[in-house]
């Protein structure tokens, strides 16, 4: 059974008959024609904004930074291992490298022990005589491999700990000159 207002119930007779819905709205009227509304200063505000665009950009960046800080990871996120909260690992460049060096005199290499400090000298043989220059100063001996039986003729190998740039100089010098060591 549908709900009926008390005035329309069948128990009391109604002197006015009900009107269909929507007919009780007021009649439409025309809106009078008027000139467009113009806001003063609109162009000036735009020009002022363009003149002070650095301030506008700075304000926008400040608002963005504040929003990022507010939305950033919390202490509770770090405890759960939140990926953003993990510190970024910095890759350090290797300052010292191990450089294998073939020393011309194999008998000299037998005197060396790991931990010794040596200077490496490159002796170049030229037609006018021999020129010697120091390629590495204070290089630390890290390993002295066991000599091979025929090592006396071709020299012996020693592994030195040197800076990266010195290792490149040692490799170049060993290709063009005979290398020797002196204990420091």
C-alpha atoms as a PDB file:
ATOM      1  CA  UNK A   1       0.000   0.000   0.000  1.00  0.00           C
ATOM      2  CA  UNK A   2       1.393   3.368  -1.017  1.00  0.00           C
ATOM      3  CA  UNK A   3       1.911   6.224   1.376  1.00  0.00           C
ATOM      4  CA  UNK A   4      -0.613   8.996   0.991  1.00  0.00           C
ATOM      5  CA  UNK A   5      -0.552  12.338   2.746  1.00  0.00           C
ATOM      6  CA  UNK A   6      -3.186  12.858   5.392  1.00  0.00           C
ATOM      7  CA  UNK A   7      -4.944  15.483   3.304  1.00  0.00           C
ATOM      8  CA  UNK A   8      -5.442  12.983   0.496  1.00  0.00           C
ATOM      9  CA  UNK A   9      -6.592  10.083   2.593  1.00  0.00           C
ATOM     10  CA  UNK A  10      -9.935   8.557   1.789  1.00  0.00           C
ATOM     11  CA  UNK A  11     -11.351   9.185   5.265  1.00  0.00           C
ATOM     12  CA  UNK A  12     -11.632  12.936   4.812  1.00  0.00           C
ATOM     13  CA  UNK A  13     -13.067  14.407   1.630  1.00  0.00           C
ATOM     14  CA  UNK A  14     -10.849  16.955  -0.121  1.00  0.00           C
ATOM     15  CA  UNK A  15     -12.361  20.161  -1.470  1.00  0.00           C
ATOM     16  CA  UNK A  16      -9.434  20.677  -3.935  1.00  0.00           C
ATOM     17  CA  UNK A  17      -8.480  18.021  -6.436  1.00  0.00           C
ATOM     18  CA  UNK A  18      -4.774  17.168  -6.549  1.00  0.00           C
ATOM     19  CA  UNK A  19      -2.737  18.670  -9.407  1.00  0.00           C
ATOM     20  CA  UNK A  20      -0.276  16.661 -11.445  1.00  0.00           C
ATOM     21  CA  UNK A  21       3.342  16.973 -10.397  1.00  0.00           C
ATOM     22  CA  UNK A  22       5.384  19.785 -11.956  1.00  0.00           C
ATOM     23  CA  UNK A  23       2.443  22.063 -12.638  1.00  0.00           C
ATOM     24  CA  UNK A  24       2.919  24.052  -9.443  1.00  0.00           C
ATOM     25  CA  UNK A  25       6.220  25.636 -10.683  1.00  0.00           C
ATOM     26  CA  UNK A  26       6.175  29.361 -11.493  1.00  0.00           C
ATOM     27  CA  UNK A  27       6.023  30.464 -15.086  1.00  0.00           C
ATOM     28  CA  UNK A  28       9.255  31.118 -16.926  1.00  0.00           C
ATOM     29  CA  UNK A  29      10.402  34.647 -17.517  1.00  0.00           C
ATOM     30  CA  UNK A  30      12.985  36.112 -19.832  1.00  0.00           C
ATOM     31  CA  UNK A  31      16.322  37.330 -18.532  1.00  0.00           C
ATOM     32  CA  UNK A  32      16.901  40.904 -19.633  1.00  0.00           C
ATOM     33  CA  UNK A  33      19.883  41.646 -21.858  1.00  0.00           C
ATOM     34  CA  UNK A  34      22.846  43.295 -20.106  1.00  0.00           C
ATOM     35  CA  UNK A  35      26.377  44.308 -21.037  1.00  0.00           C
ATOM     36  CA  UNK A  36      29.165  41.827 -20.242  1.00  0.00           C
ATOM     37  CA  UNK A  37      30.813  42.192 -16.861  1.00  0.00           C
ATOM     38  CA  UNK A  38      34.439  43.243 -17.095  1.00  0.00           C
ATOM     39  CA  UNK A  39      36.830  42.745 -14.215  1.00  0.00           C
ATOM     40  CA  UNK A  40      39.393  45.468 -13.890  1.00  0.00           C
ATOM     41  CA  UNK A  41      43.036  44.578 -13.301  1.00  0.00           C
ATOM     42  CA  UNK A  42      42.965  41.132 -14.872  1.00  0.00           C
ATOM     43  CA  UNK A  43      45.612  41.953 -17.423  1.00  0.00           C
ATOM     44  CA  UNK A  44      47.736  43.721 -14.847  1.00  0.00           C
ATOM     45  CA  UNK A  45      47.704  40.694 -12.573  1.00  0.00           C
ATOM     46  CA  UNK A  46      48.856  38.458 -15.423  1.00  0.00           C
ATOM     47  CA  UNK A  47      51.639  40.881 -16.312  1.00  0.00           C
ATOM     48  CA  UNK A  48      52.694  41.137 -12.686  1.00  0.00           C
ATOM     49  CA  UNK A  49      52.789  37.327 -12.432  1.00  0.00           C
ATOM     50  CA  UNK A  50      54.981  37.138 -15.533  1.00  0.00           C
ATOM     51  CA  UNK A  51      57.308  39.795 -14.123  1.00  0.00           C
ATOM     52  CA  UNK A  52      57.661  37.907 -10.865  1.00  0.00           C
ATOM     53  CA  UNK A  53      57.799  34.443 -12.323  1.00  0.00           C
ATOM     54  CA  UNK A  54      60.924  33.578 -10.313  1.00  0.00           C
ATOM     55  CA  UNK A  55      58.947  34.105  -7.142  1.00  0.00           C
ATOM     56  CA  UNK A  56      56.101  32.033  -8.523  1.00  0.00           C
ATOM     57  CA  UNK A  57      58.459  29.188  -9.449  1.00  0.00           C
ATOM     58  CA  UNK A  58      60.157  29.352  -6.048  1.00  0.00           C
ATOM     59  CA  UNK A  59      56.793  29.264  -4.283  1.00  0.00           C
ATOM     60  CA  UNK A  60      55.691  26.319  -6.410  1.00  0.00           C
ATOM     61  CA  UNK A  61      58.902  24.424  -5.633  1.00  0.00           C
ATOM     62  CA  UNK A  62      58.510  25.130  -1.914  1.00  0.00           C
ATOM     63  CA  UNK A  63      54.952  23.797  -1.941  1.00  0.00           C
ATOM     64  CA  UNK A  64      56.053  20.710  -3.882  1.00  0.00           C
ATOM     65  CA  UNK A  65      58.924  20.051  -1.466  1.00  0.00           C
ATOM     66  CA  UNK A  66      56.606  20.376   1.517  1.00  0.00           C
ATOM     67  CA  UNK A  67      54.169  17.929  -0.068  1.00  0.00           C
ATOM     68  CA  UNK A  68      56.953  15.428  -0.759  1.00  0.00           C
ATOM     69  CA  UNK A  69      58.226  15.651   2.803  1.00  0.00           C
ATOM     70  CA  UNK A  70      54.721  15.192   4.158  1.00  0.00           C
ATOM     71  CA  UNK A  71      54.128  12.155   1.925  1.00  0.00           C
ATOM     72  CA  UNK A  72      57.600  10.676   2.457  1.00  0.00           C
ATOM     73  CA  UNK A  73      58.472   7.489   4.345  1.00  0.00           C
ATOM     74  CA  UNK A  74      57.926   7.384   8.094  1.00  0.00           C
ATOM     75  CA  UNK A  75      60.038   5.740  10.805  1.00  0.00           C
ATOM     76  CA  UNK A  76      57.592   2.829  10.798  1.00  0.00           C
ATOM     77  CA  UNK A  77      58.262   2.335   7.065  1.00  0.00           C
ATOM     78  CA  UNK A  78      62.001   2.021   7.750  1.00  0.00           C
ATOM     79  CA  UNK A  79      61.348  -0.693  10.296  1.00  0.00           C
ATOM     80  CA  UNK A  80      59.427  -2.683   7.683  1.00  0.00           C
ATOM     81  CA  UNK A  81      62.187  -2.284   5.099  1.00  0.00           C
ATOM     82  CA  UNK A  82      60.468   0.278   2.895  1.00  0.00           C
ATOM     83  CA  UNK A  83      62.469   0.452  -0.365  1.00  0.00           C
ATOM     84  CA  UNK A  84      62.542   4.269  -0.394  1.00  0.00           C
ATOM     85  CA  UNK A  85      63.875   4.380   3.172  1.00  0.00           C
ATOM     86  CA  UNK A  86      66.917   2.209   2.407  1.00  0.00           C
ATOM     87  CA  UNK A  87      70.124   4.247   2.046  1.00  0.00           C
ATOM     88  CA  UNK A  88      71.673   4.432  -1.382  1.00  0.00           C
ATOM     89  CA  UNK A  89      75.041   2.709  -1.537  1.00  0.00           C
ATOM     90  CA  UNK A  90      77.841   4.841  -2.835  1.00  0.00           C
ATOM     91  CA  UNK A  91      80.309   3.024  -5.067  1.00  0.00           C
ATOM     92  CA  UNK A  92      83.796   4.120  -4.201  1.00  0.00           C
ATOM     93  CA  UNK A  93      86.472   3.967  -6.807  1.00  0.00           C
ATOM     94  CA  UNK A  94      89.237   1.550  -5.948  1.00  0.00           C
ATOM     95  CA  UNK A  95      92.229   3.581  -4.888  1.00  0.00           C
ATOM     96  CA  UNK A  96      94.781   0.761  -4.822  1.00  0.00           C
ATOM     97  CA  UNK A  97      95.000  -2.251  -7.115  1.00  0.00           C
ATOM     98  CA  UNK A  98      97.118  -5.392  -7.227  1.00  0.00           C
ATOM     99  CA  UNK A  99      99.536  -5.304 -10.154  1.00  0.00           C
ATOM    100  CA  UNK A 100     101.593  -8.345 -11.200  1.00  0.00           C
ATOM    101  CA  UNK A 101     105.039  -7.201 -12.302  1.00  0.00           C
ATOM    102  CA  UNK A 102     107.807  -9.281 -13.915  1.00  0.00           C
ATOM    103  CA  UNK A 103     111.161  -8.293 -12.457  1.00  0.00           C
ATOM    104  CA  UNK A 104     114.160  -8.958 -14.725  1.00  0.00           C
ATOM    105  CA  UNK A 105     116.415 -10.367 -11.965  1.00  0.00           C
ATOM    106  CA  UNK A 106     114.688 -13.426 -10.494  1.00  0.00           C
ATOM    107  CA  UNK A 107     117.250 -13.727  -7.678  1.00  0.00           C
ATOM    108  CA  UNK A 108     116.259 -10.296  -6.344  1.00  0.00           C
ATOM    109  CA  UNK A 109     112.641 -11.397  -6.081  1.00  0.00           C
ATOM    110  CA  UNK A 110     113.664 -14.215  -3.708  1.00  0.00           C
ATOM    111  CA  UNK A 111     114.690 -11.566  -1.174  1.00  0.00           C
ATOM    112  CA  UNK A 112     111.193 -10.052  -1.093  1.00  0.00           C
ATOM    113  CA  UNK A 113     108.475 -10.950   1.432  1.00  0.00           C
ATOM    114  CA  UNK A 114     104.795  -9.834   1.564  1.00  0.00           C
ATOM    115  CA  UNK A 115     104.585  -6.466   3.306  1.00  0.00           C
ATOM    116  CA  UNK A 116     107.955  -5.169   2.036  1.00  0.00           C
ATOM    117  CA  UNK A 117     108.056  -1.724   0.419  1.00  0.00           C
ATOM    118  CA  UNK A 118     109.914  -1.391  -2.874  1.00  0.00           C
ATOM    119  CA  UNK A 119     110.664   1.132  -5.588  1.00  0.00           C
ATOM    120  CA  UNK A 120     110.260  -0.166  -9.139  1.00  0.00           C
ATOM    121  CA  UNK A 121     112.835   1.096 -11.646  1.00  0.00           C
ATOM    122  CA  UNK A 122     112.526   0.801 -15.432  1.00  0.00           C
ATOM    123  CA  UNK A 123     115.850   0.556 -17.238  1.00  0.00           C
ATOM    124  CA  UNK A 124     115.609   1.240 -20.960  1.00  0.00           C
ATOM    125  CA  UNK A 125     118.510   0.229 -23.142  1.00  0.00           C
ATOM    126  CA  UNK A 126     119.186   2.694 -25.928  1.00  0.00           C
ATOM    127  CA  UNK A 127     121.987   3.053 -28.481  1.00  0.00           C
ATOM    128  CA  UNK A 128     123.601   5.867 -26.455  1.00  0.00           C
ATOM    129  CA  UNK A 129     123.467   4.023 -23.140  1.00  0.00           C
ATOM    130  CA  UNK A 130     120.885   3.133 -20.503  1.00  0.00           C
ATOM    131  CA  UNK A 131     118.317   5.459 -19.007  1.00  0.00           C
ATOM    132  CA  UNK A 132     116.661   4.513 -15.731  1.00  0.00           C
ATOM    133  CA  UNK A 133     113.569   6.032 -14.201  1.00  0.00           C
ATOM    134  CA  UNK A 134     111.480   5.264 -11.133  1.00  0.00           C
ATOM    135  CA  UNK A 135     108.047   3.988 -12.166  1.00  0.00           C
ATOM    136  CA  UNK A 136     106.588   3.274  -8.690  1.00  0.00           C
ATOM    137  CA  UNK A 137     107.699   4.537  -5.270  1.00  0.00           C
ATOM    138  CA  UNK A 138     106.905   2.744  -2.016  1.00  0.00           C
ATOM    139  CA  UNK A 139     104.842  -0.047  -3.583  1.00  0.00           C
ATOM    140  CA  UNK A 140     103.828  -2.732  -1.077  1.00  0.00           C
ATOM    141  CA  UNK A 141     104.592  -6.358  -1.942  1.00  0.00           C
ATOM    142  CA  UNK A 142     101.396  -8.399  -1.500  1.00  0.00           C
ATOM    143  CA  UNK A 143     102.490 -11.762  -2.886  1.00  0.00           C
ATOM    144  CA  UNK A 144     105.650 -13.459  -4.138  1.00  0.00           C
ATOM    145  CA  UNK A 145     104.641 -16.506  -6.223  1.00  0.00           C
ATOM    146  CA  UNK A 146     106.826 -19.617  -6.156  1.00  0.00           C
ATOM    147  CA  UNK A 147     109.479 -19.325  -8.861  1.00  0.00           C
ATOM    148  CA  UNK A 148     109.393 -21.656 -11.851  1.00  0.00           C
ATOM    149  CA  UNK A 149     112.657 -23.602 -12.624  1.00  0.00           C
ATOM    150  CA  UNK A 150     113.457 -21.510 -15.700  1.00  0.00           C
ATOM    151  CA  UNK A 151     112.632 -18.198 -13.967  1.00  0.00           C
ATOM    152  CA  UNK A 152     116.286 -17.142 -13.784  1.00  0.00           C
ATOM    153  CA  UNK A 153     116.422 -16.231 -17.471  1.00  0.00           C
ATOM    154  CA  UNK A 154     113.077 -14.493 -17.932  1.00  0.00           C
ATOM    155  CA  UNK A 155     112.838 -12.937 -14.475  1.00  0.00           C
ATOM    156  CA  UNK A 156     110.342 -13.562 -11.708  1.00  0.00           C
ATOM    157  CA  UNK A 157     106.845 -12.390 -10.928  1.00  0.00           C
ATOM    158  CA  UNK A 158     105.868 -10.286  -7.910  1.00  0.00           C
ATOM    159  CA  UNK A 159     102.450  -8.805  -7.046  1.00  0.00           C
ATOM    160  CA  UNK A 160     102.483  -5.185  -5.842  1.00  0.00           C
ATOM    161  CA  UNK A 161      99.747  -3.029  -4.316  1.00  0.00           C
ATOM    162  CA  UNK A 162      99.863   0.349  -6.081  1.00  0.00           C
ATOM    163  CA  UNK A 163      97.505   3.217  -6.998  1.00  0.00           C
ATOM    164  CA  UNK A 164      95.481   2.674 -10.180  1.00  0.00           C
ATOM    165  CA  UNK A 165      97.419   5.291 -12.182  1.00  0.00           C
ATOM    166  CA  UNK A 166     100.752   3.755 -11.139  1.00  0.00           C
ATOM    167  CA  UNK A 167      99.551   0.295 -12.247  1.00  0.00           C
ATOM    168  CA  UNK A 168      98.995   1.653 -15.747  1.00  0.00           C
ATOM    169  CA  UNK A 169     102.520   3.107 -15.746  1.00  0.00           C
ATOM    170  CA  UNK A 170     103.968  -0.232 -14.573  1.00  0.00           C
ATOM    171  CA  UNK A 171     102.185  -2.118 -17.364  1.00  0.00           C
ATOM    172  CA  UNK A 172     103.490   0.320 -19.972  1.00  0.00           C
ATOM    173  CA  UNK A 173     107.041   0.263 -18.616  1.00  0.00           C
ATOM    174  CA  UNK A 174     107.178  -3.535 -18.487  1.00  0.00           C
ATOM    175  CA  UNK A 175     106.384  -3.674 -22.206  1.00  0.00           C
ATOM    176  CA  UNK A 176     109.287  -1.403 -23.201  1.00  0.00           C
ATOM    177  CA  UNK A 177     111.941  -1.793 -20.490  1.00  0.00           C
ATOM    178  CA  UNK A 178     113.478  -4.212 -17.988  1.00  0.00           C
ATOM    179  CA  UNK A 179     112.165  -3.708 -14.461  1.00  0.00           C
ATOM    180  CA  UNK A 180     114.168  -3.897 -11.244  1.00  0.00           C
ATOM    181  CA  UNK A 181     113.268  -3.313  -7.574  1.00  0.00           C
ATOM    182  CA  UNK A 182     115.034  -1.660  -4.661  1.00  0.00           C
ATOM    183  CA  UNK A 183     113.974  -2.192  -1.037  1.00  0.00           C
ATOM    184  CA  UNK A 184     112.778   0.930   0.801  1.00  0.00           C
END
